[in-house]
Amino acid sequence: MNILSHLLSQPAQNNRQTRQRRGIEIKSPHEIDIMRQSAKIVATVLKEISELVKSGMTTADLDAHAERRIREMGATPSFKGYHGFPASICSSINNEVVHGIPSKKKVIRTGDVLKVDTGAYYQGFHGDSCITIAVGEVNPEAARLIRVAEEALFKGIVQVKAGNYLIDIAGAIEDHVKANGFTVVEDFTGHGVGRNLHEEPSVFNFRTREMPNVKLRAGMTLAIEPILNAGSKYTRTLSDRWTAVTVDNSLSAQFEHTVLVTETGYEILTDRTKL
């Protein structure tokens, strides 16, 4: 989950899920084992949603399923109540970039590009992941956008290992996106994740001088989440103060995994293919 910068600047509520801590945490083997479980819950929910979504459902239907399953597996939804967010998933359709609020009035249709982002808080640690779903048959350009977005995520992930830097992740993502004629949304970034849903460092998807010059160390856990637009990279936020949309009404796609940095590479904690 990305979060709007103006919401992050507001005082956090005094609870375990929103309290921010300084510095980059290196997780212990025990903490990593717990994160594997929180991440598995997230991966399970997203896999289930990808299999059950169909034209005629509402985004509220998906949200209800996600919350029920997260709680059945012994966790609580990371997003619900986070800085006031009202749901357990972010559901963003077509030109909606991030933070779409589920609604009974928002009906999913064949041809939609649907982003579903969710998180689970289990025994003190969060998992966080996002998928983009092609609902039924989508047009070729939408299918290509979705494919390149997922490829961009993995281009970034393969740069993850102890001794590399955040800029290695950002550069690999940016180069792949630009080579395919799409744009990287710069208004939102990935982040550290663990004891808090959002931790240091910010994980950029593009090269910038604002990027912290962070060297990766084994035990770091990162939420890597490239967001691509088919048109302009710029976004605007709707009056609900959450939903970000493309300024030119172009399509947007996003993928995200919670990733552990190891001495020799990486472990994708939210890997849905290993369920």
C-alpha atoms as a PDB file:
ATOM      1  CA  MET A   1       0.000   0.000   0.000  1.00  0.00           C
ATOM      2  CA  ASN A   2       1.230   3.433  -0.912  1.00  0.00           C
ATOM      3  CA  ILE A   3      -0.145   6.295   1.127  1.00  0.00           C
ATOM      4  CA  LEU A   4      -0.653   9.930   0.227  1.00  0.00           C
ATOM      5  CA  SER A   5       2.124  12.193   1.443  1.00  0.00           C
ATOM      6  CA  HIS A   6      -0.235  14.646   3.068  1.00  0.00           C
ATOM      7  CA  LEU A   7      -1.772  11.833   5.110  1.00  0.00           C
ATOM      8  CA  LEU A   8       1.630  10.593   6.204  1.00  0.00           C
ATOM      9  CA  SER A   9       2.413  14.085   7.453  1.00  0.00           C
ATOM     10  CA  GLN A  10      -0.576  13.992   9.805  1.00  0.00           C
ATOM     11  CA  PRO A  11      -0.001  12.831  13.395  1.00  0.00           C
ATOM     12  CA  ALA A  12      -0.236   9.064  13.578  1.00  0.00           C
ATOM     13  CA  GLN A  13      -2.733   7.466  15.931  1.00  0.00           C
ATOM     14  CA  ASN A  14      -1.229   6.093  19.110  1.00  0.00           C
ATOM     15  CA  ASN A  15      -1.355   2.395  18.313  1.00  0.00           C
ATOM     16  CA  ARG A  16       0.995  -0.354  17.140  1.00  0.00           C
ATOM     17  CA  GLN A  17      -0.165  -0.281  13.540  1.00  0.00           C
ATOM     18  CA  THR A  18       0.387   3.420  12.890  1.00  0.00           C
ATOM     19  CA  ARG A  19       3.293   4.325  15.171  1.00  0.00           C
ATOM     20  CA  GLN A  20       6.323   5.148  13.011  1.00  0.00           C
ATOM     21  CA  ARG A  21       9.848   4.320  14.141  1.00  0.00           C
ATOM     22  CA  ARG A  22      13.076   5.929  13.068  1.00  0.00           C
ATOM     23  CA  GLY A  23      15.691   4.078  11.077  1.00  0.00           C
ATOM     24  CA  ILE A  24      15.683   0.919   8.977  1.00  0.00           C
ATOM     25  CA  GLU A  25      14.927  -2.246  10.884  1.00  0.00           C
ATOM     26  CA  ILE A  26      16.819  -5.472  10.341  1.00  0.00           C
ATOM     27  CA  LYS A  27      14.480  -8.324  11.202  1.00  0.00           C
ATOM     28  CA  SER A  28      15.610 -11.250  13.301  1.00  0.00           C
ATOM     29  CA  PRO A  29      15.106 -14.837  12.090  1.00  0.00           C
ATOM     30  CA  HIS A  30      12.109 -15.154  14.441  1.00  0.00           C
ATOM     31  CA  GLU A  31      10.563 -11.933  13.143  1.00  0.00           C
ATOM     32  CA  ILE A  32      11.110 -13.058   9.561  1.00  0.00           C
ATOM     33  CA  ASP A  33       9.283 -16.310  10.314  1.00  0.00           C
ATOM     34  CA  ILE A  34       6.294 -14.299  11.559  1.00  0.00           C
ATOM     35  CA  MET A  35       6.430 -12.096   8.461  1.00  0.00           C
ATOM     36  CA  ARG A  36       6.354 -15.196   6.288  1.00  0.00           C
ATOM     37  CA  GLN A  37       3.003 -16.006   7.886  1.00  0.00           C
ATOM     38  CA  SER A  38       1.532 -12.505   7.539  1.00  0.00           C
ATOM     39  CA  ALA A  39       2.712 -12.411   3.927  1.00  0.00           C
ATOM     40  CA  LYS A  40       1.247 -15.861   3.229  1.00  0.00           C
ATOM     41  CA  ILE A  41      -2.130 -14.635   4.449  1.00  0.00           C
ATOM     42  CA  VAL A  42      -1.955 -11.677   2.052  1.00  0.00           C
ATOM     43  CA  ALA A  43      -0.885 -13.888  -0.841  1.00  0.00           C
ATOM     44  CA  THR A  44      -3.706 -16.332  -0.128  1.00  0.00           C
ATOM     45  CA  VAL A  45      -6.338 -13.587  -0.116  1.00  0.00           C
ATOM     46  CA  LEU A  46      -5.086 -12.062  -3.368  1.00  0.00           C
ATOM     47  CA  LYS A  47      -4.955 -15.435  -5.077  1.00  0.00           C
ATOM     48  CA  GLU A  48      -8.532 -16.129  -3.999  1.00  0.00           C
ATOM     49  CA  ILE A  49      -9.711 -12.729  -5.224  1.00  0.00           C
ATOM     50  CA  SER A  50      -8.009 -13.230  -8.593  1.00  0.00           C
ATOM     51  CA  GLU A  51      -9.933 -16.483  -8.995  1.00  0.00           C
ATOM     52  CA  LEU A  52     -13.358 -15.300  -7.850  1.00  0.00           C
ATOM     53  CA  VAL A  53     -13.599 -11.835  -9.430  1.00  0.00           C
ATOM     54  CA  LYS A  54     -16.056 -11.588 -12.313  1.00  0.00           C
ATOM     55  CA  SER A  55     -18.190  -9.065 -14.127  1.00  0.00           C
ATOM     56  CA  GLY A  56     -21.176  -7.952 -12.051  1.00  0.00           C
ATOM     57  CA  MET A  57     -19.456  -8.155  -8.671  1.00  0.00           C
ATOM     58  CA  THR A  58     -18.830  -4.979  -6.716  1.00  0.00           C
ATOM     59  CA  THR A  59     -15.580  -3.901  -5.141  1.00  0.00           C
ATOM     60  CA  ALA A  60     -17.409  -4.094  -1.799  1.00  0.00           C
ATOM     61  CA  ASP A  61     -17.898  -7.825  -2.450  1.00  0.00           C
ATOM     62  CA  LEU A  62     -14.131  -8.236  -2.794  1.00  0.00           C
ATOM     63  CA  ASP A  63     -13.495  -6.192   0.329  1.00  0.00           C
ATOM     64  CA  ALA A  64     -15.901  -8.327   2.360  1.00  0.00           C
ATOM     65  CA  HIS A  65     -14.171 -11.498   1.165  1.00  0.00           C
ATOM     66  CA  ALA A  66     -10.718 -10.123   2.002  1.00  0.00           C
ATOM     67  CA  GLU A  67     -11.659  -9.036   5.515  1.00  0.00           C
ATOM     68  CA  ARG A  68     -13.406 -12.306   6.311  1.00  0.00           C
ATOM     69  CA  ARG A  69     -10.488 -14.430   5.088  1.00  0.00           C
ATOM     70  CA  ILE A  70      -7.820 -12.315   6.795  1.00  0.00           C
ATOM     71  CA  ARG A  71      -9.627 -12.671  10.110  1.00  0.00           C
ATOM     72  CA  GLU A  72     -10.272 -16.395   9.573  1.00  0.00           C
ATOM     73  CA  MET A  73      -6.531 -16.891   9.236  1.00  0.00           C
ATOM     74  CA  GLY A  74      -5.886 -15.206  12.582  1.00  0.00           C
ATOM     75  CA  ALA A  75      -4.815 -11.772  11.374  1.00  0.00           C
ATOM     76  CA  THR A  76      -6.383  -8.319  11.168  1.00  0.00           C
ATOM     77  CA  PRO A  77      -6.631  -6.156   8.025  1.00  0.00           C
ATOM     78  CA  SER A  78      -3.655  -3.776   7.910  1.00  0.00           C
ATOM     79  CA  PHE A  79      -5.472  -1.136   5.879  1.00  0.00           C
ATOM     80  CA  LYS A  80      -8.776  -0.849   7.734  1.00  0.00           C
ATOM     81  CA  GLY A  81      -8.640   2.268   9.886  1.00  0.00           C
ATOM     82  CA  TYR A  82      -5.102   3.133   8.767  1.00  0.00           C
ATOM     83  CA  HIS A  83      -5.090   6.939   8.746  1.00  0.00           C
ATOM     84  CA  GLY A  84      -8.851   6.618   8.433  1.00  0.00           C
ATOM     85  CA  PHE A  85      -8.971   4.332   5.404  1.00  0.00           C
ATOM     86  CA  PRO A  86     -12.383   2.614   5.604  1.00  0.00           C
ATOM     87  CA  ALA A  87     -11.737  -0.795   4.055  1.00  0.00           C
ATOM     88  CA  SER A  88      -9.530  -3.895   4.052  1.00  0.00           C
ATOM     89  CA  ILE A  89      -8.463  -3.559   0.427  1.00  0.00           C
ATOM     90  CA  CYS A  90      -7.719  -0.764  -1.994  1.00  0.00           C
ATOM     91  CA  SER A  91      -9.667  -1.471  -5.207  1.00  0.00           C
ATOM     92  CA  SER A  92      -8.737   0.799  -8.102  1.00  0.00           C
ATOM     93  CA  ILE A  93     -10.289   0.390 -11.553  1.00  0.00           C
ATOM     94  CA  ASN A  94      -8.953   1.537 -14.943  1.00  0.00           C
ATOM     95  CA  ASN A  95      -7.825   5.185 -14.576  1.00  0.00           C
ATOM     96  CA  GLU A  96      -7.809   4.918 -10.781  1.00  0.00           C
ATOM     97  CA  VAL A  97      -4.163   4.663  -9.803  1.00  0.00           C
ATOM     98  CA  VAL A  98      -4.165   3.778  -6.085  1.00  0.00           C
ATOM     99  CA  HIS A  99      -6.274   3.902  -2.917  1.00  0.00           C
ATOM    100  CA  GLY A 100      -9.653   3.264  -4.512  1.00  0.00           C
ATOM    101  CA  ILE A 101     -12.279   2.801  -1.799  1.00  0.00           C
ATOM    102  CA  PRO A 102     -14.470  -0.305  -2.186  1.00  0.00           C
ATOM    103  CA  SER A 103     -18.152   0.436  -2.687  1.00  0.00           C
ATOM    104  CA  LYS A 104     -21.418  -1.402  -3.331  1.00  0.00           C
ATOM    105  CA  LYS A 105     -21.959   1.131  -6.114  1.00  0.00           C
ATOM    106  CA  LYS A 106     -18.726   0.287  -7.926  1.00  0.00           C
ATOM    107  CA  VAL A 107     -19.568  -2.617 -10.241  1.00  0.00           C
ATOM    108  CA  ILE A 108     -16.778  -4.542 -11.959  1.00  0.00           C
ATOM    109  CA  ARG A 109     -17.209  -4.999 -15.705  1.00  0.00           C
ATOM    110  CA  THR A 110     -15.605  -7.154 -18.384  1.00  0.00           C
ATOM    111  CA  GLY A 111     -12.622  -5.309 -19.837  1.00  0.00           C
ATOM    112  CA  ASP A 112     -11.738  -3.548 -16.581  1.00  0.00           C
ATOM    113  CA  VAL A 113      -8.179  -3.233 -15.313  1.00  0.00           C
ATOM    114  CA  LEU A 114      -8.623  -3.897 -11.590  1.00  0.00           C
ATOM    115  CA  LYS A 115      -5.942  -3.241  -8.976  1.00  0.00           C
ATOM    116  CA  VAL A 116      -6.385  -4.968  -5.604  1.00  0.00           C
ATOM    117  CA  ASP A 117      -3.991  -4.073  -2.785  1.00  0.00           C
ATOM    118  CA  THR A 118      -4.240  -5.543   0.713  1.00  0.00           C
ATOM    119  CA  GLY A 119      -2.297  -6.170   3.890  1.00  0.00           C
ATOM    120  CA  ALA A 120      -2.502  -8.409   6.959  1.00  0.00           C
ATOM    121  CA  TYR A 121      -1.258  -7.759  10.497  1.00  0.00           C
ATOM    122  CA  TYR A 122      -0.263 -10.996  12.215  1.00  0.00           C
ATOM    123  CA  GLN A 123       1.478 -11.365  15.582  1.00  0.00           C
ATOM    124  CA  GLY A 124       2.964  -7.880  15.374  1.00  0.00           C
ATOM    125  CA  PHE A 125       4.033  -7.775  11.722  1.00  0.00           C
ATOM    126  CA  HIS A 126       2.496  -6.759   8.403  1.00  0.00           C
ATOM    127  CA  GLY A 127       2.503  -8.287   4.929  1.00  0.00           C
ATOM    128  CA  ASP A 128       1.581  -6.107   1.935  1.00  0.00           C
ATOM    129  CA  SER A 129       0.947  -6.934  -1.720  1.00  0.00           C
ATOM    130  CA  CYS A 130      -0.958  -5.766  -4.799  1.00  0.00           C
ATOM    131  CA  ILE A 131      -2.069  -7.396  -8.044  1.00  0.00           C
ATOM    132  CA  THR A 132      -3.643  -6.103 -11.232  1.00  0.00           C
ATOM    133  CA  ILE A 133      -6.374  -8.270 -12.701  1.00  0.00           C
ATOM    134  CA  ALA A 134      -7.622  -8.224 -16.280  1.00  0.00           C
ATOM    135  CA  VAL A 135     -11.354  -8.767 -15.879  1.00  0.00           C
ATOM    136  CA  GLY A 136     -12.395 -11.042 -18.728  1.00  0.00           C
ATOM    137  CA  GLU A 137     -11.014 -10.011 -22.094  1.00  0.00           C
ATOM    138  CA  VAL A 138      -9.271  -6.629 -22.076  1.00  0.00           C
ATOM    139  CA  ASN A 139      -7.974  -4.666 -25.045  1.00  0.00           C
ATOM    140  CA  PRO A 140      -4.410  -5.450 -26.236  1.00  0.00           C
ATOM    141  CA  GLU A 141      -2.889  -2.235 -24.863  1.00  0.00           C
ATOM    142  CA  ALA A 142      -4.401  -2.846 -21.427  1.00  0.00           C
ATOM    143  CA  ALA A 143      -3.053  -6.412 -21.487  1.00  0.00           C
ATOM    144  CA  ARG A 144       0.410  -5.106 -22.416  1.00  0.00           C
ATOM    145  CA  LEU A 145       0.306  -2.512 -19.617  1.00  0.00           C
ATOM    146  CA  ILE A 146      -0.520  -5.204 -17.075  1.00  0.00           C
ATOM    147  CA  ARG A 147       2.229  -7.479 -18.391  1.00  0.00           C
ATOM    148  CA  VAL A 148       4.889  -4.758 -18.334  1.00  0.00           C
ATOM    149  CA  ALA A 149       3.872  -3.673 -14.825  1.00  0.00           C
ATOM    150  CA  GLU A 150       4.405  -7.188 -13.490  1.00  0.00           C
ATOM    151  CA  GLU A 151       7.655  -7.509 -15.424  1.00  0.00           C
ATOM    152  CA  ALA A 152       8.830  -4.204 -13.946  1.00  0.00           C
ATOM    153  CA  LEU A 153       8.216  -5.503 -10.432  1.00  0.00           C
ATOM    154  CA  PHE A 154      10.398  -8.535 -11.073  1.00  0.00           C
ATOM    155  CA  LYS A 155      13.071  -6.424 -12.793  1.00  0.00           C
ATOM    156  CA  GLY A 156      13.296  -4.537  -9.498  1.00  0.00           C
ATOM    157  CA  ILE A 157      13.173  -7.639  -7.317  1.00  0.00           C
ATOM    158  CA  VAL A 158      16.106  -9.337  -9.056  1.00  0.00           C
ATOM    159  CA  GLN A 159      18.264  -6.386  -8.007  1.00  0.00           C
ATOM    160  CA  VAL A 160      17.612  -7.211  -4.352  1.00  0.00           C
ATOM    161  CA  LYS A 161      20.564  -8.654  -2.454  1.00  0.00           C
ATOM    162  CA  ALA A 162      22.855  -7.578   0.343  1.00  0.00           C
ATOM    163  CA  GLY A 163      25.371  -5.048  -0.977  1.00  0.00           C
ATOM    164  CA  ASN A 164      23.189  -3.585  -3.717  1.00  0.00           C
ATOM    165  CA  TYR A 165      21.487  -0.208  -3.353  1.00  0.00           C
ATOM    166  CA  LEU A 166      17.944   1.095  -3.600  1.00  0.00           C
ATOM    167  CA  ILE A 167      18.902   2.890  -6.799  1.00  0.00           C
ATOM    168  CA  ASP A 168      19.579  -0.491  -8.416  1.00  0.00           C
ATOM    169  CA  ILE A 169      15.924  -1.399  -7.854  1.00  0.00           C
ATOM    170  CA  ALA A 170      14.670   1.981  -9.033  1.00  0.00           C
ATOM    171  CA  GLY A 171      16.808   2.037 -12.150  1.00  0.00           C
ATOM    172  CA  ALA A 172      15.827  -1.449 -13.268  1.00  0.00           C
ATOM    173  CA  ILE A 173      12.130  -0.627 -12.914  1.00  0.00           C
ATOM    174  CA  GLU A 174      12.385   2.750 -14.622  1.00  0.00           C
ATOM    175  CA  ASP A 175      14.397   1.420 -17.565  1.00  0.00           C
ATOM    176  CA  HIS A 176      11.947  -1.399 -18.263  1.00  0.00           C
ATOM    177  CA  VAL A 177       8.905   0.850 -18.064  1.00  0.00           C
ATOM    178  CA  LYS A 178      10.367   3.512 -20.344  1.00  0.00           C
ATOM    179  CA  ALA A 179      11.629   0.929 -22.841  1.00  0.00           C
ATOM    180  CA  ASN A 180       8.040  -0.224 -23.252  1.00  0.00           C
ATOM    181  CA  GLY A 181       6.615   3.251 -23.764  1.00  0.00           C
ATOM    182  CA  PHE A 182       4.815   3.633 -20.434  1.00  0.00           C
ATOM    183  CA  THR A 183       5.371   6.090 -17.579  1.00  0.00           C
ATOM    184  CA  VAL A 184       6.304   5.541 -13.935  1.00  0.00           C
ATOM    185  CA  VAL A 185       3.991   7.247 -11.453  1.00  0.00           C
ATOM    186  CA  GLU A 186       6.266   9.365  -9.283  1.00  0.00           C
ATOM    187  CA  ASP A 187       3.718  10.507  -6.705  1.00  0.00           C
ATOM    188  CA  PHE A 188       3.911   7.230  -4.773  1.00  0.00           C
ATOM    189  CA  THR A 189       6.726   4.895  -3.755  1.00  0.00           C
ATOM    190  CA  GLY A 190       7.304   1.555  -2.137  1.00  0.00           C
ATOM    191  CA  HIS A 191       8.486   1.366   1.448  1.00  0.00           C
ATOM    192  CA  GLY A 192       9.903  -0.710   4.216  1.00  0.00           C
ATOM    193  CA  VAL A 193       7.363  -2.965   5.899  1.00  0.00           C
ATOM    194  CA  GLY A 194       7.292  -5.036   9.055  1.00  0.00           C
ATOM    195  CA  ARG A 195       6.382  -3.935  12.553  1.00  0.00           C
ATOM    196  CA  ASN A 196       4.707  -0.967  10.857  1.00  0.00           C
ATOM    197  CA  LEU A 197       2.835  -0.966   7.572  1.00  0.00           C
ATOM    198  CA  HIS A 198       5.080   1.851   6.356  1.00  0.00           C
ATOM    199  CA  GLU A 199       8.693   1.957   7.512  1.00  0.00           C
ATOM    200  CA  GLU A 200      11.908   3.427   6.215  1.00  0.00           C
ATOM    201  CA  PRO A 201      13.262   3.401   3.603  1.00  0.00           C
ATOM    202  CA  SER A 202      11.191   4.781   0.753  1.00  0.00           C
ATOM    203  CA  VAL A 203      11.613   2.442  -2.231  1.00  0.00           C
ATOM    204  CA  PHE A 204      11.496   4.566  -5.371  1.00  0.00           C
ATOM    205  CA  ASN A 205      10.581   3.231  -8.810  1.00  0.00           C
ATOM    206  CA  PHE A 206      12.599   5.874 -10.651  1.00  0.00           C
ATOM    207  CA  ARG A 207      15.976   7.556 -10.289  1.00  0.00           C
ATOM    208  CA  THR A 208      15.912  10.755  -8.256  1.00  0.00           C
ATOM    209  CA  ARG A 209      18.232  12.767  -6.049  1.00  0.00           C
ATOM    210  CA  GLU A 210      15.589  12.492  -3.336  1.00  0.00           C
ATOM    211  CA  MET A 211      16.230   8.770  -3.061  1.00  0.00           C
ATOM    212  CA  PRO A 212      18.108   7.792   0.098  1.00  0.00           C
ATOM    213  CA  ASN A 213      21.477   6.239  -0.744  1.00  0.00           C
ATOM    214  CA  VAL A 214      20.670   3.061   1.150  1.00  0.00           C
ATOM    215  CA  LYS A 215      22.782  -0.049   0.890  1.00  0.00           C
ATOM    216  CA  LEU A 216      20.724  -3.220   1.198  1.00  0.00           C
ATOM    217  CA  ARG A 217      21.422  -5.485   4.156  1.00  0.00           C
ATOM    218  CA  ALA A 218      20.229  -8.998   4.878  1.00  0.00           C
ATOM    219  CA  GLY A 219      17.124  -8.888   7.064  1.00  0.00           C
ATOM    220  CA  MET A 220      15.583  -5.800   5.486  1.00  0.00           C
ATOM    221  CA  THR A 221      11.980  -6.260   4.341  1.00  0.00           C
ATOM    222  CA  LEU A 222      10.752  -4.066   1.511  1.00  0.00           C
ATOM    223  CA  ALA A 223       7.420  -3.505  -0.218  1.00  0.00           C
ATOM    224  CA  ILE A 224       8.420  -2.985  -3.845  1.00  0.00           C
ATOM    225  CA  GLU A 225       5.503  -1.629  -5.883  1.00  0.00           C
ATOM    226  CA  PRO A 226       5.891  -0.076  -9.319  1.00  0.00           C
ATOM    227  CA  ILE A 227       2.868   1.813 -10.673  1.00  0.00           C
ATOM    228  CA  LEU A 228       2.644   2.398 -14.427  1.00  0.00           C
ATOM    229  CA  ASN A 229       0.397   4.641 -16.472  1.00  0.00           C
ATOM    230  CA  ALA A 230      -0.358   4.215 -20.155  1.00  0.00           C
ATOM    231  CA  GLY A 231      -0.282   8.005 -20.584  1.00  0.00           C
ATOM    232  CA  SER A 232       0.826  10.867 -18.370  1.00  0.00           C
ATOM    233  CA  LYS A 233       2.692  10.053 -15.165  1.00  0.00           C
ATOM    234  CA  TYR A 234       0.732  12.699 -13.274  1.00  0.00           C
ATOM    235  CA  THR A 235      -2.134  11.988 -10.911  1.00  0.00           C
ATOM    236  CA  ARG A 236      -4.757  13.895  -8.980  1.00  0.00           C
ATOM    237  CA  THR A 237      -6.693  12.968  -5.860  1.00  0.00           C
ATOM    238  CA  LEU A 238     -10.479  12.858  -5.791  1.00  0.00           C
ATOM    239  CA  SER A 239     -12.649  14.563  -3.207  1.00  0.00           C
ATOM    240  CA  ASP A 240     -12.713  11.423  -1.037  1.00  0.00           C
ATOM    241  CA  ARG A 241      -9.071  12.331  -0.202  1.00  0.00           C
ATOM    242  CA  TRP A 242      -7.916   8.808  -1.059  1.00  0.00           C
ATOM    243  CA  THR A 243      -8.555   7.777  -4.652  1.00  0.00           C
ATOM    244  CA  ALA A 244      -5.782   8.914  -7.004  1.00  0.00           C
ATOM    245  CA  VAL A 245      -6.580   8.955 -10.733  1.00  0.00           C
ATOM    246  CA  THR A 246      -4.596   9.669 -13.884  1.00  0.00           C
ATOM    247  CA  VAL A 247      -4.891  13.284 -15.034  1.00  0.00           C
ATOM    248  CA  ASP A 248      -5.495  12.248 -18.647  1.00  0.00           C
ATOM    249  CA  ASN A 249      -7.904   9.369 -17.924  1.00  0.00           C
ATOM    250  CA  SER A 250      -5.337   6.810 -19.119  1.00  0.00           C
ATOM    251  CA  LEU A 251      -5.143   3.302 -17.679  1.00  0.00           C
ATOM    252  CA  SER A 252      -2.928   2.453 -14.719  1.00  0.00           C
ATOM    253  CA  ALA A 253      -1.498  -0.842 -13.420  1.00  0.00           C
ATOM    254  CA  GLN A 254       0.366  -1.845 -10.270  1.00  0.00           C
ATOM    255  CA  PHE A 255       2.039  -4.890  -8.752  1.00  0.00           C
ATOM    256  CA  GLU A 256       3.607  -5.224  -5.313  1.00  0.00           C
ATOM    257  CA  HIS A 257       5.420  -7.845  -3.267  1.00  0.00           C
ATOM    258  CA  THR A 258       6.847  -7.909   0.238  1.00  0.00           C
ATOM    259  CA  VAL A 259      10.455  -8.958  -0.278  1.00  0.00           C
ATOM    260  CA  LEU A 260      13.146 -10.076   2.174  1.00  0.00           C
ATOM    261  CA  VAL A 261      16.763  -9.124   1.488  1.00  0.00           C
ATOM    262  CA  THR A 262      19.111 -12.081   1.935  1.00  0.00           C
ATOM    263  CA  GLU A 263      22.903 -12.356   1.776  1.00  0.00           C
ATOM    264  CA  THR A 264      22.756 -13.867  -1.700  1.00  0.00           C
ATOM    265  CA  GLY A 265      19.554 -12.396  -3.092  1.00  0.00           C
ATOM    266  CA  TYR A 266      15.939 -12.211  -2.087  1.00  0.00           C
ATOM    267  CA  GLU A 267      12.896 -14.099  -0.880  1.00  0.00           C
ATOM    268  CA  ILE A 268       9.445 -13.043  -2.103  1.00  0.00           C
ATOM    269  CA  LEU A 269       7.369 -13.396   1.050  1.00  0.00           C
ATOM    270  CA  THR A 270       4.040 -12.724  -0.711  1.00  0.00           C
ATOM    271  CA  ASP A 271       4.683 -15.197  -3.524  1.00  0.00           C
ATOM    272  CA  ARG A 272       1.276 -16.523  -4.648  1.00  0.00           C
ATOM    273  CA  THR A 273       2.819 -19.223  -6.836  1.00  0.00           C
ATOM    274  CA  LYS A 274       4.020 -21.211  -3.816  1.00  0.00           C
ATOM    275  CA  LEU A 275       0.660 -21.558  -2.080  1.00  0.00           C
END
